[in-house]
Amino acid sequence: MGRPPCTYVDIRLPKKLFYDELTEIKHTQGGQEKCFKGTWKVPLKCFGIDRDSWETLAQDCPAGRNCFRNGATSYEQSRTSEAQKKRELCKFIANSLSTIPADHLCPMYCRAF
């Protein structure tokens, strides 16, 4: 005999609060599975929310939503700006390497090595 559905109150906060705000969700690729509270540490750190007092913040729904939304927005902006800087650096390196004169040319196709 199974347990009747919905006979207990689920006091855990849904992950949807965190992951709905992100455009790209990061998840672990294999390895040891984390316990329920362990899964919250990474998004809380990314959003800039204190890990010791986040439960009291989440009890106040409007303030909690605003805090999560603002944290997600700032995290996404910093993540996209870091990705843009990384792309610019890769392009700069590729352009600087392409300006180096070629020492060896293929006689058949006239391509540089």
PDB file of N, CA and C in Angstrom:
ATOM      1  N   MET A   1       0.838  -1.174   0.000  1.00  0.00           N
ATOM      2  CA  MET A   1       0.000   0.000   0.000  1.00  0.00           C
ATOM      3  C   MET A   1       0.884   1.238   0.000  1.00  0.00           C
ATOM      4  N   GLY A   2       0.557   2.091  -0.860  1.00  0.00           N
ATOM      5  CA  GLY A   2       1.327   3.328  -0.972  1.00  0.00           C
ATOM      6  C   GLY A   2       0.761   4.420  -0.083  1.00  0.00           C
ATOM      7  N   ARG A   3       1.476   5.457  -0.018  1.00  0.00           N
ATOM      8  CA  ARG A   3       1.067   6.611   0.766  1.00  0.00           C
ATOM      9  C   ARG A   3       0.012   7.387  -0.011  1.00  0.00           C
ATOM     10  N   PRO A   4      -1.044   7.866   0.646  1.00  0.00           N
ATOM     11  CA  PRO A   4      -2.043   8.653  -0.074  1.00  0.00           C
ATOM     12  C   PRO A   4      -1.424   9.958  -0.591  1.00  0.00           C
ATOM     13  N   PRO A   5      -1.832  10.402  -1.755  1.00  0.00           N
ATOM     14  CA  PRO A   5      -1.213  11.597  -2.330  1.00  0.00           C
ATOM     15  C   PRO A   5      -1.546  12.859  -1.538  1.00  0.00           C
ATOM     16  N   CYS A   6      -0.570  13.732  -1.438  1.00  0.00           N
ATOM     17  CA  CYS A   6      -0.726  15.063  -0.838  1.00  0.00           C
ATOM     18  C   CYS A   6      -1.234  15.025   0.593  1.00  0.00           C
ATOM     19  N   THR A   7      -0.730  14.114   1.416  1.00  0.00           N
ATOM     20  CA  THR A   7      -1.146  14.102   2.813  1.00  0.00           C
ATOM     21  C   THR A   7      -0.169  14.860   3.695  1.00  0.00           C
ATOM     22  N   TYR A   8       0.918  15.312   3.138  1.00  0.00           N
ATOM     23  CA  TYR A   8       1.888  16.056   3.920  1.00  0.00           C
ATOM     24  C   TYR A   8       2.068  17.439   3.299  1.00  0.00           C
ATOM     25  N   VAL A   9       2.534  18.356   4.102  1.00  0.00           N
ATOM     26  CA  VAL A   9       2.768  19.709   3.628  1.00  0.00           C
ATOM     27  C   VAL A   9       4.237  19.818   3.230  1.00  0.00           C
ATOM     28  N   ASP A  10       4.481  20.213   2.020  1.00  0.00           N
ATOM     29  CA  ASP A  10       5.849  20.354   1.528  1.00  0.00           C
ATOM     30  C   ASP A  10       6.327  21.760   1.862  1.00  0.00           C
ATOM     31  N   ILE A  11       7.258  21.863   2.812  1.00  0.00           N
ATOM     32  CA  ILE A  11       7.726  23.177   3.245  1.00  0.00           C
ATOM     33  C   ILE A  11       8.972  23.609   2.490  1.00  0.00           C
ATOM     34  N   ARG A  12       9.458  22.765   1.588  1.00  0.00           N
ATOM     35  CA  ARG A  12      10.641  23.134   0.823  1.00  0.00           C
ATOM     36  C   ARG A  12      10.271  24.169  -0.233  1.00  0.00           C
ATOM     37  N   LEU A  13      11.196  25.062  -0.501  1.00  0.00           N
ATOM     38  CA  LEU A  13      10.979  26.054  -1.544  1.00  0.00           C
ATOM     39  C   LEU A  13      11.266  25.429  -2.903  1.00  0.00           C
ATOM     40  N   PRO A  14      10.475  25.736  -3.900  1.00  0.00           N
ATOM     41  CA  PRO A  14      10.716  25.141  -5.210  1.00  0.00           C
ATOM     42  C   PRO A  14      11.960  25.732  -5.867  1.00  0.00           C
ATOM     43  N   LYS A  15      12.658  24.895  -6.624  1.00  0.00           N
ATOM     44  CA  LYS A  15      13.835  25.368  -7.346  1.00  0.00           C
ATOM     45  C   LYS A  15      13.438  26.365  -8.424  1.00  0.00           C
ATOM     46  N   LYS A  16      12.158  26.389  -8.738  1.00  0.00           N
ATOM     47  CA  LYS A  16      11.668  27.295  -9.752  1.00  0.00           C
ATOM     48  C   LYS A  16      11.949  28.748  -9.385  1.00  0.00           C
ATOM     49  N   LEU A  17      11.990  29.051  -8.077  1.00  0.00           N
ATOM     50  CA  LEU A  17      12.320  30.407  -7.651  1.00  0.00           C
ATOM     51  C   LEU A  17      13.678  30.827  -8.182  1.00  0.00           C
ATOM     52  N   PHE A  18      14.632  29.909  -8.169  1.00  0.00           N
ATOM     53  CA  PHE A  18      15.968  30.236  -8.633  1.00  0.00           C
ATOM     54  C   PHE A  18      16.102  30.071 -10.139  1.00  0.00           C
ATOM     55  N   TYR A  19      15.702  28.935 -10.651  1.00  0.00           N
ATOM     56  CA  TYR A  19      16.019  28.588 -12.020  1.00  0.00           C
ATOM     57  C   TYR A  19      15.102  29.240 -13.047  1.00  0.00           C
ATOM     58  N   ASP A  20      13.950  29.781 -12.657  1.00  0.00           N
ATOM     59  CA  ASP A  20      13.116  30.497 -13.606  1.00  0.00           C
ATOM     60  C   ASP A  20      13.741  31.820 -14.004  1.00  0.00           C
ATOM     61  N   GLU A  21      14.565  32.379 -13.140  1.00  0.00           N
ATOM     62  CA  GLU A  21      15.150  33.675 -13.412  1.00  0.00           C
ATOM     63  C   GLU A  21      16.344  33.588 -14.360  1.00  0.00           C
ATOM     64  N   LEU A  22      16.934  32.422 -14.520  1.00  0.00           N
ATOM     65  CA  LEU A  22      18.124  32.281 -15.348  1.00  0.00           C
ATOM     66  C   LEU A  22      17.751  31.932 -16.779  1.00  0.00           C
ATOM     67  N   THR A  23      18.556  32.408 -17.722  1.00  0.00           N
ATOM     68  CA  THR A  23      18.309  32.040 -19.112  1.00  0.00           C
ATOM     69  C   THR A  23      18.959  30.713 -19.443  1.00  0.00           C
ATOM     70  N   GLU A  24      20.081  30.433 -18.805  1.00  0.00           N
ATOM     71  CA  GLU A  24      20.741  29.148 -19.001  1.00  0.00           C
ATOM     72  C   GLU A  24      20.919  28.487 -17.649  1.00  0.00           C
ATOM     73  N   ILE A  25      20.401  27.288 -17.505  1.00  0.00           N
ATOM     74  CA  ILE A  25      20.487  26.585 -16.228  1.00  0.00           C
ATOM     75  C   ILE A  25      21.741  25.734 -16.222  1.00  0.00           C
ATOM     76  N   LYS A  26      22.520  25.862 -15.161  1.00  0.00           N
ATOM     77  CA  LYS A  26      23.700  25.030 -15.006  1.00  0.00           C
ATOM     78  C   LYS A  26      23.334  23.864 -14.102  1.00  0.00           C
ATOM     79  N   HIS A  27      23.773  22.701 -14.455  1.00  0.00           N
ATOM     80  CA  HIS A  27      23.548  21.548 -13.598  1.00  0.00           C
ATOM     81  C   HIS A  27      24.810  20.715 -13.584  1.00  0.00           C
ATOM     82  N   THR A  28      24.950  19.922 -12.550  1.00  0.00           N
ATOM     83  CA  THR A  28      26.156  19.121 -12.409  1.00  0.00           C
ATOM     84  C   THR A  28      26.153  17.989 -13.422  1.00  0.00           C
ATOM     85  N   GLN A  29      27.321  17.657 -13.908  1.00  0.00           N
ATOM     86  CA  GLN A  29      27.477  16.574 -14.866  1.00  0.00           C
ATOM     87  C   GLN A  29      28.040  15.370 -14.130  1.00  0.00           C
ATOM     88  N   GLY A  30      27.193  14.525 -13.627  1.00  0.00           N
ATOM     89  CA  GLY A  30      27.643  13.326 -12.929  1.00  0.00           C
ATOM     90  C   GLY A  30      28.207  13.639 -11.558  1.00  0.00           C
ATOM     91  N   GLY A  31      28.888  12.687 -10.987  1.00  0.00           N
ATOM     92  CA  GLY A  31      29.473  12.885  -9.669  1.00  0.00           C
ATOM     93  C   GLY A  31      28.481  12.566  -8.569  1.00  0.00           C
ATOM     94  N   GLN A  32      28.890  12.858  -7.355  1.00  0.00           N
ATOM     95  CA  GLN A  32      28.051  12.568  -6.207  1.00  0.00           C
ATOM     96  C   GLN A  32      26.881  13.539  -6.154  1.00  0.00           C
ATOM     97  N   GLU A  33      25.694  13.011  -5.885  1.00  0.00           N
ATOM     98  CA  GLU A  33      24.528  13.872  -5.800  1.00  0.00           C
ATOM     99  C   GLU A  33      24.538  14.629  -4.486  1.00  0.00           C
ATOM    100  N   LYS A  34      24.086  15.872  -4.554  1.00  0.00           N
ATOM    101  CA  LYS A  34      24.060  16.709  -3.362  1.00  0.00           C
ATOM    102  C   LYS A  34      22.737  16.520  -2.637  1.00  0.00           C
ATOM    103  N   CYS A  35      22.759  16.777  -1.333  1.00  0.00           N
ATOM    104  CA  CYS A  35      21.517  16.737  -0.575  1.00  0.00           C
ATOM    105  C   CYS A  35      20.692  17.968  -0.947  1.00  0.00           C
ATOM    106  N   PHE A  36      19.467  18.049  -0.450  1.00  0.00           N
ATOM    107  CA  PHE A  36      18.556  19.108  -0.867  1.00  0.00           C
ATOM    108  C   PHE A  36      19.118  20.487  -0.562  1.00  0.00           C
ATOM    109  N   LYS A  37      19.612  20.683   0.653  1.00  0.00           N
ATOM    110  CA  LYS A  37      20.133  22.001   1.004  1.00  0.00           C
ATOM    111  C   LYS A  37      21.448  22.298   0.300  1.00  0.00           C
ATOM    112  N   GLY A  38      22.185  21.264  -0.072  1.00  0.00           N
ATOM    113  CA  GLY A  38      23.440  21.476  -0.776  1.00  0.00           C
ATOM    114  C   GLY A  38      23.247  22.022  -2.177  1.00  0.00           C
ATOM    115  N   THR A  39      22.096  21.749  -2.786  1.00  0.00           N
ATOM    116  CA  THR A  39      21.843  22.234  -4.133  1.00  0.00           C
ATOM    117  C   THR A  39      21.572  23.730  -4.158  1.00  0.00           C
ATOM    118  N   TRP A  40      21.238  24.318  -3.035  1.00  0.00           N
ATOM    119  CA  TRP A  40      20.908  25.737  -2.986  1.00  0.00           C
ATOM    120  C   TRP A  40      22.136  26.626  -2.869  1.00  0.00           C
ATOM    121  N   LYS A  41      23.268  26.079  -2.459  1.00  0.00           N
ATOM    122  CA  LYS A  41      24.423  26.918  -2.142  1.00  0.00           C
ATOM    123  C   LYS A  41      24.972  27.646  -3.364  1.00  0.00           C
ATOM    124  N   VAL A  42      25.039  26.980  -4.501  1.00  0.00           N
ATOM    125  CA  VAL A  42      25.610  27.603  -5.693  1.00  0.00           C
ATOM    126  C   VAL A  42      24.737  28.753  -6.202  1.00  0.00           C
ATOM    127  N   PRO A  43      23.421  28.568  -6.402  1.00  0.00           N
ATOM    128  CA  PRO A  43      22.615  29.701  -6.867  1.00  0.00           C
ATOM    129  C   PRO A  43      22.582  30.849  -5.866  1.00  0.00           C
ATOM    130  N   LEU A  44      22.543  30.531  -4.568  1.00  0.00           N
ATOM    131  CA  LEU A  44      22.540  31.601  -3.577  1.00  0.00           C
ATOM    132  C   LEU A  44      23.820  32.416  -3.660  1.00  0.00           C
ATOM    133  N   LYS A  45      24.933  31.753  -3.849  1.00  0.00           N
ATOM    134  CA  LYS A  45      26.208  32.455  -3.960  1.00  0.00           C
ATOM    135  C   LYS A  45      26.230  33.300  -5.233  1.00  0.00           C
ATOM    136  N   CYS A  46      25.726  32.746  -6.338  1.00  0.00           N
ATOM    137  CA  CYS A  46      25.701  33.487  -7.597  1.00  0.00           C
ATOM    138  C   CYS A  46      24.790  34.706  -7.513  1.00  0.00           C
ATOM    139  N   PHE A  47      23.683  34.572  -6.804  1.00  0.00           N
ATOM    140  CA  PHE A  47      22.729  35.669  -6.695  1.00  0.00           C
ATOM    141  C   PHE A  47      23.131  36.692  -5.648  1.00  0.00           C
ATOM    142  N   GLY A  48      24.154  36.405  -4.853  1.00  0.00           N
ATOM    143  CA  GLY A  48      24.608  37.342  -3.831  1.00  0.00           C
ATOM    144  C   GLY A  48      23.695  37.383  -2.623  1.00  0.00           C
ATOM    145  N   ILE A  49      23.079  36.262  -2.280  1.00  0.00           N
ATOM    146  CA  ILE A  49      22.168  36.187  -1.137  1.00  0.00           C
ATOM    147  C   ILE A  49      22.880  35.457  -0.010  1.00  0.00           C
ATOM    148  N   ASP A  50      22.726  35.959   1.210  1.00  0.00           N
ATOM    149  CA  ASP A  50      23.366  35.351   2.373  1.00  0.00           C
ATOM    150  C   ASP A  50      22.782  33.961   2.601  1.00  0.00           C
ATOM    151  N   ARG A  51      23.668  32.971   2.699  1.00  0.00           N
ATOM    152  CA  ARG A  51      23.209  31.585   2.832  1.00  0.00           C
ATOM    153  C   ARG A  51      22.621  31.290   4.200  1.00  0.00           C
ATOM    154  N   ASP A  52      22.946  32.089   5.198  1.00  0.00           N
ATOM    155  CA  ASP A  52      22.423  31.829   6.538  1.00  0.00           C
ATOM    156  C   ASP A  52      21.015  32.387   6.738  1.00  0.00           C
ATOM    157  N   SER A  53      20.681  33.455   6.028  1.00  0.00           N
ATOM    158  CA  SER A  53      19.387  34.097   6.270  1.00  0.00           C
ATOM    159  C   SER A  53      18.448  34.035   5.066  1.00  0.00           C
ATOM    160  N   TRP A  54      18.708  33.173   4.095  1.00  0.00           N
ATOM    161  CA  TRP A  54      17.857  33.142   2.914  1.00  0.00           C
ATOM    162  C   TRP A  54      16.477  32.568   3.205  1.00  0.00           C
ATOM    163  N   GLU A  55      16.368  31.704   4.208  1.00  0.00           N
ATOM    164  CA  GLU A  55      15.064  31.113   4.514  1.00  0.00           C
ATOM    165  C   GLU A  55      14.103  32.162   5.058  1.00  0.00           C
ATOM    166  N   THR A  56      14.600  33.054   5.903  1.00  0.00           N
ATOM    167  CA  THR A  56      13.733  34.123   6.416  1.00  0.00           C
ATOM    168  C   THR A  56      13.382  35.096   5.301  1.00  0.00           C
ATOM    169  N   LEU A  57      14.300  35.319   4.384  1.00  0.00           N
ATOM    170  CA  LEU A  57      14.016  36.188   3.246  1.00  0.00           C
ATOM    171  C   LEU A  57      12.946  35.567   2.353  1.00  0.00           C
ATOM    172  N   ALA A  58      12.995  34.266   2.168  1.00  0.00           N
ATOM    173  CA  ALA A  58      12.032  33.587   1.305  1.00  0.00           C
ATOM    174  C   ALA A  58      10.636  33.541   1.928  1.00  0.00           C
ATOM    175  N   GLN A  59      10.535  33.654   3.246  1.00  0.00           N
ATOM    176  CA  GLN A  59       9.217  33.659   3.888  1.00  0.00           C
ATOM    177  C   GLN A  59       8.433  34.918   3.528  1.00  0.00           C
ATOM    178  N   ASP A  60       9.145  36.033   3.333  1.00  0.00           N
ATOM    179  CA  ASP A  60       8.508  37.273   2.894  1.00  0.00           C
ATOM    180  C   ASP A  60       8.471  37.237   1.364  1.00  0.00           C
ATOM    181  N   CYS A  61       7.352  36.786   0.811  1.00  0.00           N
ATOM    182  CA  CYS A  61       7.284  36.471  -0.619  1.00  0.00           C
ATOM    183  C   CYS A  61       7.648  37.631  -1.551  1.00  0.00           C
ATOM    184  N   PRO A  62       7.047  38.826  -1.407  1.00  0.00           N
ATOM    185  CA  PRO A  62       7.403  39.893  -2.359  1.00  0.00           C
ATOM    186  C   PRO A  62       8.871  40.305  -2.267  1.00  0.00           C
ATOM    187  N   ALA A  63       9.375  40.442  -1.057  1.00  0.00           N
ATOM    188  CA  ALA A  63      10.778  40.834  -0.898  1.00  0.00           C
ATOM    189  C   ALA A  63      11.704  39.726  -1.384  1.00  0.00           C
ATOM    190  N   GLY A  64      11.337  38.485  -1.114  1.00  0.00           N
ATOM    191  CA  GLY A  64      12.146  37.360  -1.572  1.00  0.00           C
ATOM    192  C   GLY A  64      12.195  37.275  -3.083  1.00  0.00           C
ATOM    193  N   ARG A  65      11.037  37.445  -3.727  1.00  0.00           N
ATOM    194  CA  ARG A  65      10.993  37.414  -5.185  1.00  0.00           C
ATOM    195  C   ARG A  65      11.844  38.527  -5.789  1.00  0.00           C
ATOM    196  N   ASN A  66      11.720  39.732  -5.204  1.00  0.00           N
ATOM    197  CA  ASN A  66      12.518  40.849  -5.714  1.00  0.00           C
ATOM    198  C   ASN A  66      14.007  40.589  -5.539  1.00  0.00           C
ATOM    199  N   CYS A  67      14.375  40.040  -4.403  1.00  0.00           N
ATOM    200  CA  CYS A  67      15.787  39.752  -4.141  1.00  0.00           C
ATOM    201  C   CYS A  67      16.304  38.692  -5.108  1.00  0.00           C
ATOM    202  N   PHE A  68      15.534  37.633  -5.323  1.00  0.00           N
ATOM    203  CA  PHE A  68      15.942  36.588  -6.256  1.00  0.00           C
ATOM    204  C   PHE A  68      16.016  37.134  -7.683  1.00  0.00           C
ATOM    205  N   ARG A  69      15.039  37.952  -8.054  1.00  0.00           N
ATOM    206  CA  ARG A  69      15.010  38.504  -9.407  1.00  0.00           C
ATOM    207  C   ARG A  69      16.194  39.445  -9.636  1.00  0.00           C
ATOM    208  N   ASN A  70      16.463  40.315  -8.661  1.00  0.00           N
ATOM    209  CA  ASN A  70      17.589  41.237  -8.799  1.00  0.00           C
ATOM    210  C   ASN A  70      18.915  40.488  -8.822  1.00  0.00           C
ATOM    211  N   GLY A  71      19.027  39.466  -7.976  1.00  0.00           N
ATOM    212  CA  GLY A  71      20.245  38.664  -7.970  1.00  0.00           C
ATOM    213  C   GLY A  71      20.451  37.937  -9.281  1.00  0.00           C
ATOM    214  N   ALA A  72      19.369  37.394  -9.838  1.00  0.00           N
ATOM    215  CA  ALA A  72      19.472  36.684 -11.115  1.00  0.00           C
ATOM    216  C   ALA A  72      19.838  37.641 -12.240  1.00  0.00           C
ATOM    217  N   THR A  73      19.260  38.837 -12.212  1.00  0.00           N
ATOM    218  CA  THR A  73      19.571  39.826 -13.244  1.00  0.00           C
ATOM    219  C   THR A  73      21.033  40.228 -13.194  1.00  0.00           C
ATOM    220  N   SER A  74      21.528  40.514 -11.996  1.00  0.00           N
ATOM    221  CA  SER A  74      22.933  40.918 -11.880  1.00  0.00           C
ATOM    222  C   SER A  74      23.866  39.767 -12.245  1.00  0.00           C
ATOM    223  N   TYR A  75      23.494  38.548 -11.875  1.00  0.00           N
ATOM    224  CA  TYR A  75      24.320  37.385 -12.221  1.00  0.00           C
ATOM    225  C   TYR A  75      24.365  37.183 -13.730  1.00  0.00           C
ATOM    226  N   GLU A  76      23.218  37.289 -14.391  1.00  0.00           N
ATOM    227  CA  GLU A  76      23.172  37.113 -15.841  1.00  0.00           C
ATOM    228  C   GLU A  76      23.969  38.201 -16.550  1.00  0.00           C
ATOM    229  N   GLN A  77      23.877  39.442 -16.060  1.00  0.00           N
ATOM    230  CA  GLN A  77      24.637  40.524 -16.682  1.00  0.00           C
ATOM    231  C   GLN A  77      26.131  40.306 -16.525  1.00  0.00           C
ATOM    232  N   SER A  78      26.557  39.899 -15.340  1.00  0.00           N
ATOM    233  CA  SER A  78      27.986  39.663 -15.137  1.00  0.00           C
ATOM    234  C   SER A  78      28.461  38.466 -15.954  1.00  0.00           C
ATOM    235  N   ARG A  79      27.623  37.435 -16.067  1.00  0.00           N
ATOM    236  CA  ARG A  79      27.998  36.256 -16.841  1.00  0.00           C
ATOM    237  C   ARG A  79      28.127  36.590 -18.322  1.00  0.00           C
ATOM    238  N   THR A  80      27.188  37.371 -18.855  1.00  0.00           N
ATOM    239  CA  THR A  80      27.262  37.730 -20.270  1.00  0.00           C
ATOM    240  C   THR A  80      28.417  38.678 -20.548  1.00  0.00           C
ATOM    241  N   SER A  81      28.709  39.600 -19.620  1.00  0.00           N
ATOM    242  CA  SER A  81      29.844  40.502 -19.838  1.00  0.00           C
ATOM    243  C   SER A  81      31.165  39.736 -19.787  1.00  0.00           C
ATOM    244  N   GLU A  82      31.277  38.757 -18.894  1.00  0.00           N
ATOM    245  CA  GLU A  82      32.488  37.934 -18.851  1.00  0.00           C
ATOM    246  C   GLU A  82      32.637  37.113 -20.130  1.00  0.00           C
ATOM    247  N   ALA A  83      31.533  36.589 -20.646  1.00  0.00           N
ATOM    248  CA  ALA A  83      31.588  35.822 -21.894  1.00  0.00           C
ATOM    249  C   ALA A  83      31.986  36.722 -23.061  1.00  0.00           C
ATOM    250  N   GLN A  84      31.475  37.959 -23.067  1.00  0.00           N
ATOM    251  CA  GLN A  84      31.827  38.910 -24.123  1.00  0.00           C
ATOM    252  C   GLN A  84      33.316  39.250 -24.066  1.00  0.00           C
ATOM    253  N   LYS A  85      33.842  39.461 -22.862  1.00  0.00           N
ATOM    254  CA  LYS A  85      35.273  39.751 -22.712  1.00  0.00           C
ATOM    255  C   LYS A  85      36.116  38.567 -23.180  1.00  0.00           C
ATOM    256  N   LYS A  86      35.664  37.363 -22.867  1.00  0.00           N
ATOM    257  CA  LYS A  86      36.389  36.162 -23.283  1.00  0.00           C
ATOM    258  C   LYS A  86      36.397  36.035 -24.804  1.00  0.00           C
ATOM    259  N   ARG A  87      35.250  36.329 -25.448  1.00  0.00           N
ATOM    260  CA  ARG A  87      35.170  36.280 -26.905  1.00  0.00           C
ATOM    261  C   ARG A  87      36.094  37.309 -27.549  1.00  0.00           C
ATOM    262  N   GLU A  88      36.094  38.542 -26.979  1.00  0.00           N
ATOM    263  CA  GLU A  88      36.955  39.589 -27.522  1.00  0.00           C
ATOM    264  C   GLU A  88      38.429  39.206 -27.396  1.00  0.00           C
ATOM    265  N   LEU A  89      38.801  38.594 -26.285  1.00  0.00           N
ATOM    266  CA  LEU A  89      40.181  38.157 -26.098  1.00  0.00           C
ATOM    267  C   LEU A  89      40.555  37.085 -27.118  1.00  0.00           C
ATOM    268  N   CYS A  90      39.655  36.128 -27.351  1.00  0.00           N
ATOM    269  CA  CYS A  90      39.918  35.079 -28.344  1.00  0.00           C
ATOM    270  C   CYS A  90      40.056  35.673 -29.744  1.00  0.00           C
ATOM    271  N   LYS A  91      39.197  36.645 -30.080  1.00  0.00           N
ATOM    272  CA  LYS A  91      39.286  37.286 -31.394  1.00  0.00           C
ATOM    273  C   LYS A  91      40.588  38.065 -31.530  1.00  0.00           C
ATOM    274  N   PHE A  92      40.991  38.745 -30.461  1.00  0.00           N
ATOM    275  CA  PHE A  92      42.233  39.512 -30.485  1.00  0.00           C
ATOM    276  C   PHE A  92      43.429  38.589 -30.701  1.00  0.00           C
ATOM    277  N   ILE A  93      43.439  37.470 -29.998  1.00  0.00           N
ATOM    278  CA  ILE A  93      44.538  36.512 -30.147  1.00  0.00           C
ATOM    279  C   ILE A  93      44.545  35.923 -31.557  1.00  0.00           C
ATOM    280  N   ALA A  94      43.369  35.600 -32.087  1.00  0.00           N
ATOM    281  CA  ALA A  94      43.292  35.037 -33.438  1.00  0.00           C
ATOM    282  C   ALA A  94      43.760  36.053 -34.477  1.00  0.00           C
ATOM    283  N   ASN A  95      43.383  37.319 -34.307  1.00  0.00           N
ATOM    284  CA  ASN A  95      43.806  38.350 -35.256  1.00  0.00           C
ATOM    285  C   ASN A  95      45.304  38.607 -35.167  1.00  0.00           C
ATOM    286  N   SER A  96      45.847  38.571 -33.960  1.00  0.00           N
ATOM    287  CA  SER A  96      47.285  38.817 -33.822  1.00  0.00           C
ATOM    288  C   SER A  96      48.095  37.655 -34.396  1.00  0.00           C
ATOM    289  N   LEU A  97      47.564  36.443 -34.317  1.00  0.00           N
ATOM    290  CA  LEU A  97      48.259  35.296 -34.899  1.00  0.00           C
ATOM    291  C   LEU A  97      48.165  35.288 -36.421  1.00  0.00           C
ATOM    292  N   SER A  98      47.065  35.807 -36.969  1.00  0.00           N
ATOM    293  CA  SER A  98      46.902  35.791 -38.423  1.00  0.00           C
ATOM    294  C   SER A  98      47.767  36.845 -39.098  1.00  0.00           C
ATOM    295  N   THR A  99      48.245  37.840 -38.360  1.00  0.00           N
ATOM    296  CA  THR A  99      49.098  38.863 -38.958  1.00  0.00           C
ATOM    297  C   THR A  99      50.562  38.450 -39.002  1.00  0.00           C
ATOM    298  N   ILE A 100      50.903  37.312 -38.406  1.00  0.00           N
ATOM    299  CA  ILE A 100      52.281  36.819 -38.447  1.00  0.00           C
ATOM    300  C   ILE A 100      52.567  36.317 -39.864  1.00  0.00           C
ATOM    301  N   PRO A 101      53.674  36.753 -40.483  1.00  0.00           N
ATOM    302  CA  PRO A 101      53.960  36.301 -41.850  1.00  0.00           C
ATOM    303  C   PRO A 101      54.259  34.806 -41.895  1.00  0.00           C
ATOM    304  N   ALA A 102      53.814  34.182 -42.957  1.00  0.00           N
ATOM    305  CA  ALA A 102      54.012  32.746 -43.117  1.00  0.00           C
ATOM    306  C   ALA A 102      55.411  32.470 -43.655  1.00  0.00           C
ATOM    307  N   ASP A 103      56.067  31.502 -43.072  1.00  0.00           N
ATOM    308  CA  ASP A 103      57.412  31.144 -43.508  1.00  0.00           C
ATOM    309  C   ASP A 103      57.388  30.064 -44.583  1.00  0.00           C
ATOM    310  N   HIS A 104      56.394  29.218 -44.541  1.00  0.00           N
ATOM    311  CA  HIS A 104      56.369  28.087 -45.460  1.00  0.00           C
ATOM    312  C   HIS A 104      55.075  28.114 -46.268  1.00  0.00           C
ATOM    313  N   LEU A 105      55.181  28.150 -47.567  1.00  0.00           N
ATOM    314  CA  LEU A 105      54.017  28.129 -48.448  1.00  0.00           C
ATOM    315  C   LEU A 105      53.970  26.807 -49.204  1.00  0.00           C
ATOM    316  N   CYS A 106      52.784  26.283 -49.354  1.00  0.00           N
ATOM    317  CA  CYS A 106      52.595  25.059 -50.121  1.00  0.00           C
ATOM    318  C   CYS A 106      52.703  25.415 -51.612  1.00  0.00           C
ATOM    319  N   PRO A 107      53.562  24.732 -52.368  1.00  0.00           N
ATOM    320  CA  PRO A 107      53.741  25.093 -53.780  1.00  0.00           C
ATOM    321  C   PRO A 107      52.510  24.776 -54.637  1.00  0.00           C
ATOM    322  N   MET A 108      51.701  23.824 -54.211  1.00  0.00           N
ATOM    323  CA  MET A 108      50.553  23.439 -55.024  1.00  0.00           C
ATOM    324  C   MET A 108      49.353  24.358 -54.783  1.00  0.00           C
ATOM    325  N   TYR A 109      49.064  24.659 -53.504  1.00  0.00           N
ATOM    326  CA  TYR A 109      47.861  25.419 -53.179  1.00  0.00           C
ATOM    327  C   TYR A 109      48.162  26.836 -52.717  1.00  0.00           C
ATOM    328  N   CYS A 110      49.412  27.187 -52.536  1.00  0.00           N
ATOM    329  CA  CYS A 110      49.843  28.514 -52.084  1.00  0.00           C
ATOM    330  C   CYS A 110      49.215  28.892 -50.750  1.00  0.00           C
ATOM    331  N   ARG A 111      49.152  27.943 -49.863  1.00  0.00           N
ATOM    332  CA  ARG A 111      48.632  28.199 -48.521  1.00  0.00           C
ATOM    333  C   ARG A 111      49.773  28.180 -47.530  1.00  0.00           C
ATOM    334  N   ALA A 112      49.630  28.992 -46.486  1.00  0.00           N
ATOM    335  CA  ALA A 112      50.679  29.080 -45.473  1.00  0.00           C
ATOM    336  C   ALA A 112      50.468  28.023 -44.405  1.00  0.00           C
ATOM    337  N   PHE A 113      51.569  27.559 -43.838  1.00  0.00           N
ATOM    338  CA  PHE A 113      51.515  26.592 -42.743  1.00  0.00           C
ATOM    339  C   PHE A 113      51.952  27.256 -41.466  1.00  0.00           C
TER     340      PHE A 113
END
